[in-house]
């Protein structure tokens, strides 16, 4: 990945207001493959009795991570918007643990990119909190354009 693109993607988590508000960070950036995370934050608790983070915060992380994976696709030429995102919540994220999301843009057409995302808490990557599939807008680079 070219250094300028990598720098833009790293800036992604601080440039978008919701990413900044949730203290998201980029943990891995590769072509069409991104890992982002956010810290546990008591302001985001959805159930005070258990201390579990609200699903909306997790969906924001997964959506942002999915969009970043499209943005880093080697054939992408512009910003992307979410067209569709289906999230399946499997279990609560363990209170106090950092929450991670890993997205891979696995297929693109001329105008649509398809993404898979997995979210987990702490070191429990093998026990997903949620999974998602999504479609994002996509603009393919013109042949010969650099």
N, C-alpha and C. Protein backbone atom coordinates (compact mmCIF):
# COMPACT_ATOMS: atom_id res chain seq x y z
N UNK A 1 0.85 -1.18 0.00
CA UNK A 1 0.00 0.00 0.00
C UNK A 1 0.89 1.23 0.00
N UNK A 2 0.54 2.19 -0.83
CA UNK A 2 1.36 3.39 -0.92
C UNK A 2 1.29 4.18 0.39
N UNK A 3 2.39 4.82 0.80
CA UNK A 3 2.44 5.53 2.09
C UNK A 3 1.36 6.60 2.25
N UNK A 4 1.05 7.34 1.18
CA UNK A 4 0.03 8.40 1.29
C UNK A 4 -1.34 7.81 1.62
N UNK A 5 -1.68 6.68 1.00
CA UNK A 5 -2.96 6.03 1.28
C UNK A 5 -2.98 5.51 2.71
N UNK A 6 -1.89 4.89 3.13
CA UNK A 6 -1.83 4.38 4.50
C UNK A 6 -2.02 5.50 5.50
N UNK A 7 -1.41 6.65 5.26
CA UNK A 7 -1.55 7.79 6.16
C UNK A 7 -2.99 8.28 6.19
N UNK A 8 -3.65 8.32 5.03
CA UNK A 8 -5.06 8.74 4.98
C UNK A 8 -5.94 7.78 5.76
N UNK A 9 -5.69 6.49 5.63
CA UNK A 9 -6.49 5.50 6.35
C UNK A 9 -6.26 5.60 7.85
N UNK A 10 -5.02 5.79 8.26
CA UNK A 10 -4.73 5.94 9.69
C UNK A 10 -5.43 7.17 10.25
N UNK A 11 -5.55 8.21 9.44
CA UNK A 11 -6.23 9.44 9.84
C UNK A 11 -7.74 9.25 9.93
N UNK A 12 -8.26 8.25 9.25
CA UNK A 12 -9.68 7.92 9.17
C UNK A 12 -10.33 7.91 10.56
N UNK A 13 -9.71 7.25 11.51
CA UNK A 13 -10.29 7.07 12.84
C UNK A 13 -10.37 8.38 13.63
N UNK A 14 -9.59 9.37 13.28
CA UNK A 14 -9.66 10.64 13.99
C UNK A 14 -10.40 11.70 13.18
N UNK A 15 -10.58 11.49 11.89
CA UNK A 15 -11.23 12.48 11.04
C UNK A 15 -12.75 12.40 11.12
N UNK A 16 -13.30 11.21 11.22
CA UNK A 16 -14.76 11.06 11.30
C UNK A 16 -15.22 11.29 12.74
N UNK A 17 -16.19 12.18 12.94
CA UNK A 17 -16.60 12.52 14.31
C UNK A 17 -17.01 11.33 15.18
N UNK A 18 -17.76 10.36 14.60
CA UNK A 18 -18.20 9.22 15.42
C UNK A 18 -17.01 8.33 15.78
N UNK A 19 -16.04 8.20 14.88
CA UNK A 19 -14.84 7.41 15.19
C UNK A 19 -14.06 8.07 16.31
N UNK A 20 -13.93 9.38 16.22
CA UNK A 20 -13.20 10.13 17.25
C UNK A 20 -13.92 10.04 18.60
N UNK A 21 -15.25 10.20 18.58
CA UNK A 21 -16.03 10.15 19.83
C UNK A 21 -15.93 8.79 20.51
N UNK A 22 -15.79 7.72 19.71
CA UNK A 22 -15.69 6.37 20.26
C UNK A 22 -14.24 5.95 20.48
N UNK A 23 -13.30 6.86 20.24
CA UNK A 23 -11.85 6.60 20.43
C UNK A 23 -11.37 5.39 19.63
N UNK A 24 -11.86 5.27 18.39
CA UNK A 24 -11.43 4.16 17.53
C UNK A 24 -10.00 4.38 17.07
N UNK A 25 -9.33 3.28 16.82
CA UNK A 25 -7.99 3.35 16.25
C UNK A 25 -7.82 2.25 15.21
N UNK A 26 -6.88 2.48 14.32
CA UNK A 26 -6.52 1.48 13.31
C UNK A 26 -5.43 0.60 13.91
N UNK A 27 -5.66 -0.71 13.87
CA UNK A 27 -4.67 -1.65 14.39
C UNK A 27 -3.94 -2.41 13.29
N UNK A 28 -4.58 -2.54 12.12
CA UNK A 28 -3.96 -3.21 10.98
C UNK A 28 -4.54 -2.62 9.70
N UNK A 29 -3.65 -2.31 8.76
CA UNK A 29 -4.09 -1.78 7.47
C UNK A 29 -3.33 -2.51 6.39
N UNK A 30 -4.08 -3.26 5.57
CA UNK A 30 -3.53 -3.93 4.40
C UNK A 30 -4.50 -3.68 3.26
N UNK A 31 -4.15 -4.10 2.07
CA UNK A 31 -5.07 -3.96 0.95
C UNK A 31 -6.36 -4.73 1.23
N UNK A 32 -7.46 -4.00 1.32
CA UNK A 32 -8.81 -4.56 1.50
C UNK A 32 -8.99 -5.34 2.81
N UNK A 33 -8.11 -5.12 3.79
CA UNK A 33 -8.16 -5.84 5.06
C UNK A 33 -7.77 -4.87 6.17
N UNK A 34 -8.68 -4.66 7.12
CA UNK A 34 -8.45 -3.68 8.18
C UNK A 34 -8.90 -4.26 9.52
N UNK A 35 -8.15 -3.95 10.57
CA UNK A 35 -8.59 -4.21 11.94
C UNK A 35 -8.64 -2.87 12.65
N UNK A 36 -9.78 -2.58 13.27
CA UNK A 36 -9.96 -1.37 14.08
C UNK A 36 -10.41 -1.81 15.47
N UNK A 37 -10.23 -0.92 16.43
CA UNK A 37 -10.69 -1.24 17.78
C UNK A 37 -11.11 0.04 18.50
N UNK A 38 -11.82 -0.17 19.60
CA UNK A 38 -12.19 0.93 20.48
C UNK A 38 -12.12 0.44 21.92
N UNK A 39 -11.79 1.33 22.84
CA UNK A 39 -11.69 0.91 24.24
C UNK A 39 -13.07 0.77 24.88
N UNK A 40 -13.11 -0.01 25.93
CA UNK A 40 -14.31 -0.07 26.76
C UNK A 40 -14.52 1.32 27.33
N UNK A 41 -15.74 1.81 27.34
CA UNK A 41 -16.03 3.15 27.83
C UNK A 41 -17.36 3.11 28.56
N UNK A 42 -17.36 3.50 29.83
CA UNK A 42 -18.58 3.45 30.63
C UNK A 42 -19.69 4.32 30.06
N UNK A 43 -19.36 5.34 29.26
CA UNK A 43 -20.38 6.18 28.63
C UNK A 43 -21.21 5.40 27.61
N UNK A 44 -20.68 4.27 27.16
CA UNK A 44 -21.34 3.49 26.10
C UNK A 44 -22.08 2.27 26.63
N UNK A 45 -22.20 2.16 27.93
CA UNK A 45 -22.88 1.00 28.53
C UNK A 45 -24.36 1.02 28.13
N UNK A 46 -24.82 -0.10 27.63
CA UNK A 46 -26.22 -0.24 27.25
C UNK A 46 -27.06 -0.86 28.34
N UNK A 47 -26.44 -1.66 29.20
CA UNK A 47 -27.15 -2.33 30.29
C UNK A 47 -26.39 -2.08 31.58
N UNK A 48 -26.85 -1.11 32.39
CA UNK A 48 -26.13 -0.77 33.63
C UNK A 48 -25.97 -1.94 34.60
N UNK A 49 -26.89 -2.90 34.55
CA UNK A 49 -26.82 -4.04 35.47
C UNK A 49 -25.62 -4.93 35.17
N UNK A 50 -25.24 -5.02 33.89
CA UNK A 50 -24.14 -5.91 33.51
C UNK A 50 -22.88 -5.17 33.07
N UNK A 51 -23.00 -3.88 32.72
CA UNK A 51 -21.85 -3.13 32.24
C UNK A 51 -21.51 -3.41 30.78
N UNK A 52 -22.42 -4.04 30.05
CA UNK A 52 -22.18 -4.41 28.66
C UNK A 52 -22.34 -3.18 27.75
N UNK A 53 -21.42 -3.06 26.79
CA UNK A 53 -21.46 -1.96 25.83
C UNK A 53 -22.67 -2.10 24.91
N UNK A 54 -23.29 -0.99 24.59
CA UNK A 54 -24.47 -0.96 23.72
C UNK A 54 -24.10 -1.46 22.32
N UNK A 55 -24.99 -2.22 21.71
CA UNK A 55 -24.76 -2.76 20.38
C UNK A 55 -24.56 -1.68 19.32
N UNK A 56 -25.11 -0.50 19.52
CA UNK A 56 -24.94 0.58 18.56
C UNK A 56 -23.48 1.00 18.42
N UNK A 57 -22.75 1.00 19.53
CA UNK A 57 -21.32 1.35 19.47
C UNK A 57 -20.56 0.28 18.70
N UNK A 58 -20.92 -0.97 18.92
CA UNK A 58 -20.25 -2.06 18.21
C UNK A 58 -20.60 -2.00 16.72
N UNK A 59 -21.84 -1.68 16.40
CA UNK A 59 -22.20 -1.58 14.98
C UNK A 59 -21.47 -0.42 14.31
N UNK A 60 -21.26 0.68 15.01
CA UNK A 60 -20.50 1.81 14.45
C UNK A 60 -19.06 1.39 14.15
N UNK A 61 -18.47 0.62 15.07
CA UNK A 61 -17.10 0.12 14.86
C UNK A 61 -17.06 -0.80 13.64
N UNK A 62 -18.02 -1.71 13.54
CA UNK A 62 -18.03 -2.67 12.44
C UNK A 62 -18.27 -1.97 11.10
N UNK A 63 -19.16 -0.99 11.08
CA UNK A 63 -19.45 -0.25 9.86
C UNK A 63 -18.22 0.55 9.41
N UNK A 64 -17.58 1.22 10.36
CA UNK A 64 -16.38 2.00 10.04
C UNK A 64 -15.25 1.11 9.53
N UNK A 65 -15.07 -0.03 10.16
CA UNK A 65 -14.03 -0.97 9.76
C UNK A 65 -14.33 -1.52 8.35
N UNK A 66 -15.59 -1.84 8.09
CA UNK A 66 -15.97 -2.31 6.76
C UNK A 66 -15.70 -1.27 5.69
N UNK A 67 -16.06 -0.02 5.97
CA UNK A 67 -15.80 1.06 5.02
C UNK A 67 -14.32 1.26 4.78
N UNK A 68 -13.52 1.13 5.84
CA UNK A 68 -12.06 1.28 5.69
C UNK A 68 -11.49 0.17 4.82
N UNK A 69 -12.04 -1.04 4.93
CA UNK A 69 -11.52 -2.13 4.10
C UNK A 69 -11.81 -1.88 2.62
N UNK A 70 -12.95 -1.25 2.33
CA UNK A 70 -13.26 -0.88 0.94
C UNK A 70 -12.32 0.23 0.48
N UNK A 71 -12.11 1.21 1.34
CA UNK A 71 -11.25 2.34 1.01
C UNK A 71 -9.83 1.88 0.67
N UNK A 72 -9.38 0.80 1.32
CA UNK A 72 -8.01 0.32 1.08
C UNK A 72 -7.91 -0.70 -0.04
N UNK A 73 -9.04 -1.03 -0.67
CA UNK A 73 -9.00 -1.99 -1.78
C UNK A 73 -8.13 -1.41 -2.90
N UNK A 74 -7.21 -2.19 -3.46
CA UNK A 74 -6.29 -1.66 -4.46
C UNK A 74 -6.96 -1.10 -5.72
N UNK A 75 -8.19 -1.50 -6.01
CA UNK A 75 -8.87 -0.99 -7.20
C UNK A 75 -9.82 0.16 -6.90
N UNK A 76 -9.89 0.60 -5.64
CA UNK A 76 -10.80 1.67 -5.25
C UNK A 76 -10.24 3.04 -5.64
N UNK A 77 -11.13 3.94 -6.07
CA UNK A 77 -10.66 5.27 -6.46
C UNK A 77 -11.34 6.41 -5.71
N UNK A 78 -12.26 6.11 -4.78
CA UNK A 78 -12.92 7.20 -4.07
C UNK A 78 -13.47 6.73 -2.73
N UNK A 79 -14.02 7.68 -2.00
CA UNK A 79 -14.65 7.37 -0.72
C UNK A 79 -15.84 6.45 -0.95
N UNK A 80 -16.30 5.81 0.10
CA UNK A 80 -17.36 4.83 0.00
C UNK A 80 -18.44 5.11 1.04
N UNK A 81 -19.66 4.72 0.75
CA UNK A 81 -20.74 4.81 1.72
C UNK A 81 -21.37 3.44 1.90
N UNK A 82 -21.95 3.22 3.05
CA UNK A 82 -22.61 1.96 3.35
C UNK A 82 -23.95 1.89 2.62
N UNK A 83 -24.12 0.83 1.86
CA UNK A 83 -25.40 0.59 1.18
C UNK A 83 -26.28 -0.34 1.99
N UNK A 84 -25.65 -1.34 2.61
CA UNK A 84 -26.39 -2.33 3.38
C UNK A 84 -25.42 -2.96 4.39
N UNK A 85 -25.89 -3.16 5.60
CA UNK A 85 -25.05 -3.81 6.61
C UNK A 85 -25.95 -4.67 7.49
N UNK A 86 -25.70 -5.95 7.47
CA UNK A 86 -26.47 -6.88 8.31
C UNK A 86 -25.54 -7.38 9.40
N UNK A 87 -25.95 -7.16 10.65
CA UNK A 87 -25.13 -7.56 11.79
C UNK A 87 -25.87 -8.62 12.59
N UNK A 88 -25.17 -9.68 12.92
CA UNK A 88 -25.70 -10.73 13.81
C UNK A 88 -24.93 -10.65 15.12
N UNK A 89 -25.64 -10.34 16.20
CA UNK A 89 -25.02 -10.28 17.53
C UNK A 89 -25.08 -11.67 18.15
N UNK A 90 -23.93 -12.16 18.58
CA UNK A 90 -23.85 -13.53 19.11
C UNK A 90 -23.72 -13.60 20.62
N UNK A 91 -23.02 -12.64 21.19
CA UNK A 91 -22.84 -12.61 22.64
C UNK A 91 -22.42 -11.21 23.04
N UNK A 92 -22.56 -10.90 24.30
CA UNK A 92 -22.14 -9.60 24.81
C UNK A 92 -20.62 -9.52 24.84
N UNK A 93 -20.11 -8.32 24.59
CA UNK A 93 -18.67 -8.09 24.74
C UNK A 93 -18.38 -8.04 26.24
N UNK A 94 -17.33 -8.71 26.65
CA UNK A 94 -16.99 -8.75 28.07
C UNK A 94 -16.69 -7.34 28.58
N UNK A 95 -17.40 -6.89 29.63
CA UNK A 95 -17.16 -5.55 30.16
C UNK A 95 -15.68 -5.34 30.53
N UNK A 96 -15.20 -4.16 30.21
CA UNK A 96 -13.81 -3.80 30.53
C UNK A 96 -12.81 -4.12 29.44
N UNK A 97 -13.21 -4.90 28.45
CA UNK A 97 -12.29 -5.33 27.39
C UNK A 97 -12.35 -4.41 26.17
N UNK A 98 -11.22 -4.20 25.52
CA UNK A 98 -11.17 -3.48 24.25
C UNK A 98 -11.94 -4.30 23.22
N UNK A 99 -12.67 -3.63 22.33
CA UNK A 99 -13.46 -4.31 21.31
C UNK A 99 -12.79 -4.12 19.96
N UNK A 100 -12.62 -5.21 19.23
CA UNK A 100 -11.94 -5.22 17.94
C UNK A 100 -12.94 -5.57 16.84
N UNK A 101 -12.67 -5.08 15.64
CA UNK A 101 -13.42 -5.48 14.45
C UNK A 101 -12.41 -5.70 13.33
N UNK A 102 -12.59 -6.79 12.60
CA UNK A 102 -11.72 -7.11 11.47
C UNK A 102 -12.60 -7.23 10.23
N UNK A 103 -12.27 -6.46 9.19
CA UNK A 103 -13.06 -6.45 7.96
C UNK A 103 -12.19 -6.81 6.77
N UNK A 104 -12.82 -7.53 5.85
CA UNK A 104 -12.16 -7.90 4.60
C UNK A 104 -13.12 -7.62 3.46
N UNK A 105 -12.70 -6.79 2.52
CA UNK A 105 -13.46 -6.54 1.31
C UNK A 105 -13.10 -7.68 0.35
N UNK A 106 -14.02 -8.63 0.18
CA UNK A 106 -13.69 -9.87 -0.53
C UNK A 106 -14.13 -9.92 -1.98
N UNK A 107 -14.99 -8.96 -2.40
CA UNK A 107 -15.43 -8.98 -3.81
C UNK A 107 -15.88 -7.57 -4.19
N UNK A 108 -15.54 -7.16 -5.41
CA UNK A 108 -15.99 -5.87 -5.91
C UNK A 108 -16.55 -6.02 -7.32
N UNK A 109 -17.55 -5.20 -7.60
CA UNK A 109 -18.05 -5.06 -8.95
C UNK A 109 -17.69 -3.64 -9.39
N UNK A 110 -18.26 -3.18 -10.47
CA UNK A 110 -17.96 -1.83 -10.93
C UNK A 110 -18.44 -0.78 -9.93
N UNK A 111 -19.54 -1.06 -9.21
CA UNK A 111 -20.13 -0.05 -8.33
C UNK A 111 -20.40 -0.48 -6.89
N UNK A 112 -20.18 -1.76 -6.58
CA UNK A 112 -20.48 -2.26 -5.24
C UNK A 112 -19.33 -3.12 -4.72
N UNK A 113 -18.99 -2.92 -3.44
CA UNK A 113 -17.98 -3.74 -2.76
C UNK A 113 -18.68 -4.55 -1.67
N UNK A 114 -18.26 -5.80 -1.52
CA UNK A 114 -18.85 -6.70 -0.53
C UNK A 114 -17.83 -6.99 0.56
N UNK A 115 -18.31 -6.93 1.81
CA UNK A 115 -17.41 -6.98 2.97
C UNK A 115 -17.94 -7.96 4.01
N UNK A 116 -17.00 -8.63 4.69
CA UNK A 116 -17.32 -9.43 5.88
C UNK A 116 -16.58 -8.83 7.06
N UNK A 117 -17.26 -8.78 8.22
CA UNK A 117 -16.67 -8.19 9.42
C UNK A 117 -16.94 -9.11 10.61
N UNK A 118 -15.95 -9.24 11.48
CA UNK A 118 -16.09 -9.98 12.73
C UNK A 118 -15.65 -9.07 13.86
N UNK A 119 -16.42 -9.03 14.96
CA UNK A 119 -16.06 -8.24 16.13
C UNK A 119 -15.89 -9.17 17.33
N UNK A 120 -14.96 -8.83 18.21
CA UNK A 120 -14.72 -9.61 19.42
C UNK A 120 -14.18 -8.70 20.50
N UNK A 121 -14.17 -9.18 21.73
CA UNK A 121 -13.67 -8.42 22.86
C UNK A 121 -12.39 -9.05 23.40
N UNK A 122 -11.45 -8.18 23.76
CA UNK A 122 -10.20 -8.65 24.36
C UNK A 122 -9.45 -9.61 23.47
N UNK A 123 -9.01 -10.72 24.04
CA UNK A 123 -8.25 -11.72 23.27
C UNK A 123 -9.13 -12.89 22.83
N UNK A 124 -10.44 -12.67 22.81
CA UNK A 124 -11.39 -13.75 22.49
C UNK A 124 -11.81 -13.73 21.02
N UNK A 125 -10.83 -13.65 20.12
CA UNK A 125 -11.13 -13.60 18.69
C UNK A 125 -11.90 -14.84 18.22
N UNK A 126 -11.68 -15.97 18.88
CA UNK A 126 -12.37 -17.20 18.48
C UNK A 126 -13.80 -17.27 19.03
N UNK A 127 -14.22 -16.25 19.80
CA UNK A 127 -15.59 -16.16 20.32
C UNK A 127 -16.17 -14.82 19.91
N UNK A 128 -16.61 -14.68 18.66
CA UNK A 128 -17.09 -13.38 18.17
C UNK A 128 -18.26 -12.81 18.97
N UNK A 129 -18.22 -11.52 19.14
CA UNK A 129 -19.34 -10.78 19.71
C UNK A 129 -20.41 -10.61 18.65
N UNK A 130 -19.96 -10.32 17.42
CA UNK A 130 -20.89 -10.12 16.31
C UNK A 130 -20.18 -10.38 14.98
N UNK A 131 -20.97 -10.70 13.97
CA UNK A 131 -20.45 -10.81 12.61
C UNK A 131 -21.35 -9.96 11.72
N UNK A 132 -20.81 -9.53 10.59
CA UNK A 132 -21.59 -8.70 9.68
C UNK A 132 -21.20 -8.99 8.24
N UNK A 133 -22.16 -8.77 7.36
CA UNK A 133 -21.89 -8.74 5.93
C UNK A 133 -22.45 -7.41 5.44
N UNK A 134 -21.74 -6.81 4.50
CA UNK A 134 -22.18 -5.51 4.04
C UNK A 134 -21.89 -5.26 2.58
N UNK A 135 -22.60 -4.29 2.05
CA UNK A 135 -22.37 -3.80 0.69
C UNK A 135 -22.10 -2.31 0.80
N UNK A 136 -21.06 -1.87 0.12
CA UNK A 136 -20.63 -0.47 0.15
C UNK A 136 -20.50 0.03 -1.28
N UNK A 137 -20.69 1.33 -1.47
CA UNK A 137 -20.49 1.88 -2.80
C UNK A 137 -19.02 1.72 -3.17
N UNK A 138 -18.77 1.59 -4.48
CA UNK A 138 -17.41 1.35 -4.95
C UNK A 138 -17.22 2.01 -6.30
N UNK A 139 -16.10 2.66 -6.47
CA UNK A 139 -15.74 3.25 -7.75
C UNK A 139 -14.39 2.69 -8.16
N UNK A 140 -14.41 1.91 -9.19
CA UNK A 140 -13.19 1.26 -9.67
C UNK A 140 -12.28 2.27 -10.35
N UNK A 141 -10.97 2.14 -10.11
CA UNK A 141 -9.99 2.99 -10.78
C UNK A 141 -10.08 2.76 -12.29
N UNK A 142 -9.91 3.82 -13.03
CA UNK A 142 -9.87 3.69 -14.49
C UNK A 142 -8.56 3.01 -14.87
N UNK A 143 -8.60 2.17 -15.85
CA UNK A 143 -7.38 1.48 -16.30
C UNK A 143 -6.32 2.48 -16.69
N UNK A 144 -5.10 2.23 -16.22
CA UNK A 144 -3.98 3.11 -16.51
C UNK A 144 -3.88 4.30 -15.58
N UNK A 145 -4.89 4.53 -14.70
CA UNK A 145 -4.84 5.66 -13.77
C UNK A 145 -3.98 5.28 -12.57
N UNK A 146 -3.18 6.17 -12.14
CA UNK A 146 -2.33 5.94 -10.97
C UNK A 146 -2.67 6.92 -9.89
